[in-house]
Structure formats: structure tokens, C-alpha cells
């Protein structure tokens, strides 16, 4: 069930965002998005400290 939930999340938001929010490693969420057939292959985070 945990894998299914992670796959659903990475289909809705970029993998790095999900990784940071949930405390996963980036590679874990990137693998999940590939397995789920997601399209978030590019993500440029911005500087929110401004």
C-alpha cells in the first residue's frame, strides 16, 4: 500500500518535492515516478528564501 501511495503522489507533483516533504531520498521518488509512468522528468526548484 505504501508503494501505491508514493506512486500516486509522484504523479501529482515533482519527485524532488515529494522526497523533501516526506523525507525520502530523491532516487527513491525518482524511481517511483518512472515505475508509475509519470512525466515529471524536469523540475527546477526556485529560491523561496527571498
C-alpha atoms as a PDB file:
ATOM      1  CA  UNK A   1       0.000   0.000   0.000  1.00  0.00           C
ATOM      2  CA  UNK A   2       2.861   2.411   0.761  1.00  0.00           C
ATOM      3  CA  UNK A   3       4.343   1.952  -2.732  1.00  0.00           C
ATOM      4  CA  UNK A   4       0.987   2.633  -4.361  1.00  0.00           C
ATOM      5  CA  UNK A   5       0.518   5.820  -2.345  1.00  0.00           C
ATOM      6  CA  UNK A   6       4.012   7.046  -3.234  1.00  0.00           C
ATOM      7  CA  UNK A   7       3.390   6.371  -6.927  1.00  0.00           C
ATOM      8  CA  UNK A   8       0.164   8.336  -6.790  1.00  0.00           C
ATOM      9  CA  UNK A   9       1.906  11.279  -5.140  1.00  0.00           C
ATOM     10  CA  UNK A  10       4.733  11.455  -7.679  1.00  0.00           C
ATOM     11  CA  UNK A  11       2.191  11.524 -10.486  1.00  0.00           C
ATOM     12  CA  UNK A  12       0.735  14.692  -8.967  1.00  0.00           C
ATOM     13  CA  UNK A  13       3.920  16.588  -8.068  1.00  0.00           C
ATOM     14  CA  UNK A  14       7.627  16.517  -8.936  1.00  0.00           C
ATOM     15  CA  UNK A  15       9.621  13.726  -7.310  1.00  0.00           C
ATOM     16  CA  UNK A  16      12.070  16.088  -5.528  1.00  0.00           C
ATOM     17  CA  UNK A  17       9.174  17.923  -3.899  1.00  0.00           C
ATOM     18  CA  UNK A  18       7.636  14.683  -2.640  1.00  0.00           C
ATOM     19  CA  UNK A  19      11.037  13.440  -1.449  1.00  0.00           C
ATOM     20  CA  UNK A  20      11.680  16.572   0.568  1.00  0.00           C
ATOM     21  CA  UNK A  21       8.171  16.691   2.031  1.00  0.00           C
ATOM     22  CA  UNK A  22       8.178  13.055   3.135  1.00  0.00           C
ATOM     23  CA  UNK A  23      11.851  12.629   3.993  1.00  0.00           C
ATOM     24  CA  UNK A  24      12.604  10.182   1.179  1.00  0.00           C
ATOM     25  CA  UNK A  25      15.788  10.145  -0.851  1.00  0.00           C
ATOM     26  CA  UNK A  26      15.465  11.753  -4.298  1.00  0.00           C
ATOM     27  CA  UNK A  27      16.401   8.486  -6.000  1.00  0.00           C
ATOM     28  CA  UNK A  28      13.529   6.687  -4.282  1.00  0.00           C
ATOM     29  CA  UNK A  29      10.901   9.092  -5.551  1.00  0.00           C
ATOM     30  CA  UNK A  30      12.511   9.312  -9.000  1.00  0.00           C
ATOM     31  CA  UNK A  31      12.330   5.523  -9.250  1.00  0.00           C
ATOM     32  CA  UNK A  32       8.676   5.638  -8.201  1.00  0.00           C
ATOM     33  CA  UNK A  33       7.801   8.195 -10.894  1.00  0.00           C
ATOM     34  CA  UNK A  34       9.482   6.073 -13.569  1.00  0.00           C
ATOM     35  CA  UNK A  35       7.623   2.960 -12.394  1.00  0.00           C
ATOM     36  CA  UNK A  36       4.342   4.848 -12.355  1.00  0.00           C
ATOM     37  CA  UNK A  37       4.901   6.184 -15.876  1.00  0.00           C
ATOM     38  CA  UNK A  38       4.949   9.799 -14.765  1.00  0.00           C
ATOM     39  CA  UNK A  39       6.055  12.754 -16.832  1.00  0.00           C
ATOM     40  CA  UNK A  40       7.814  14.870 -14.189  1.00  0.00           C
ATOM     41  CA  UNK A  41      11.238  14.434 -15.757  1.00  0.00           C
ATOM     42  CA  UNK A  42      12.405  18.028 -15.273  1.00  0.00           C
ATOM     43  CA  UNK A  43      11.998  20.245 -12.236  1.00  0.00           C
ATOM     44  CA  UNK A  44      13.834  23.452 -11.480  1.00  0.00           C
ATOM     45  CA  UNK A  45      13.309  24.422  -7.855  1.00  0.00           C
ATOM     46  CA  UNK A  46      13.214  28.104  -7.098  1.00  0.00           C
ATOM     47  CA  UNK A  47      14.718  30.003  -4.208  1.00  0.00           C
ATOM     48  CA  UNK A  48      11.871  30.501  -1.721  1.00  0.00           C
ATOM     49  CA  UNK A  49      14.100  32.300   0.766  1.00  0.00           C
ATOM     50  CA  UNK A  50      13.506  35.631  -0.948  1.00  0.00           C
END
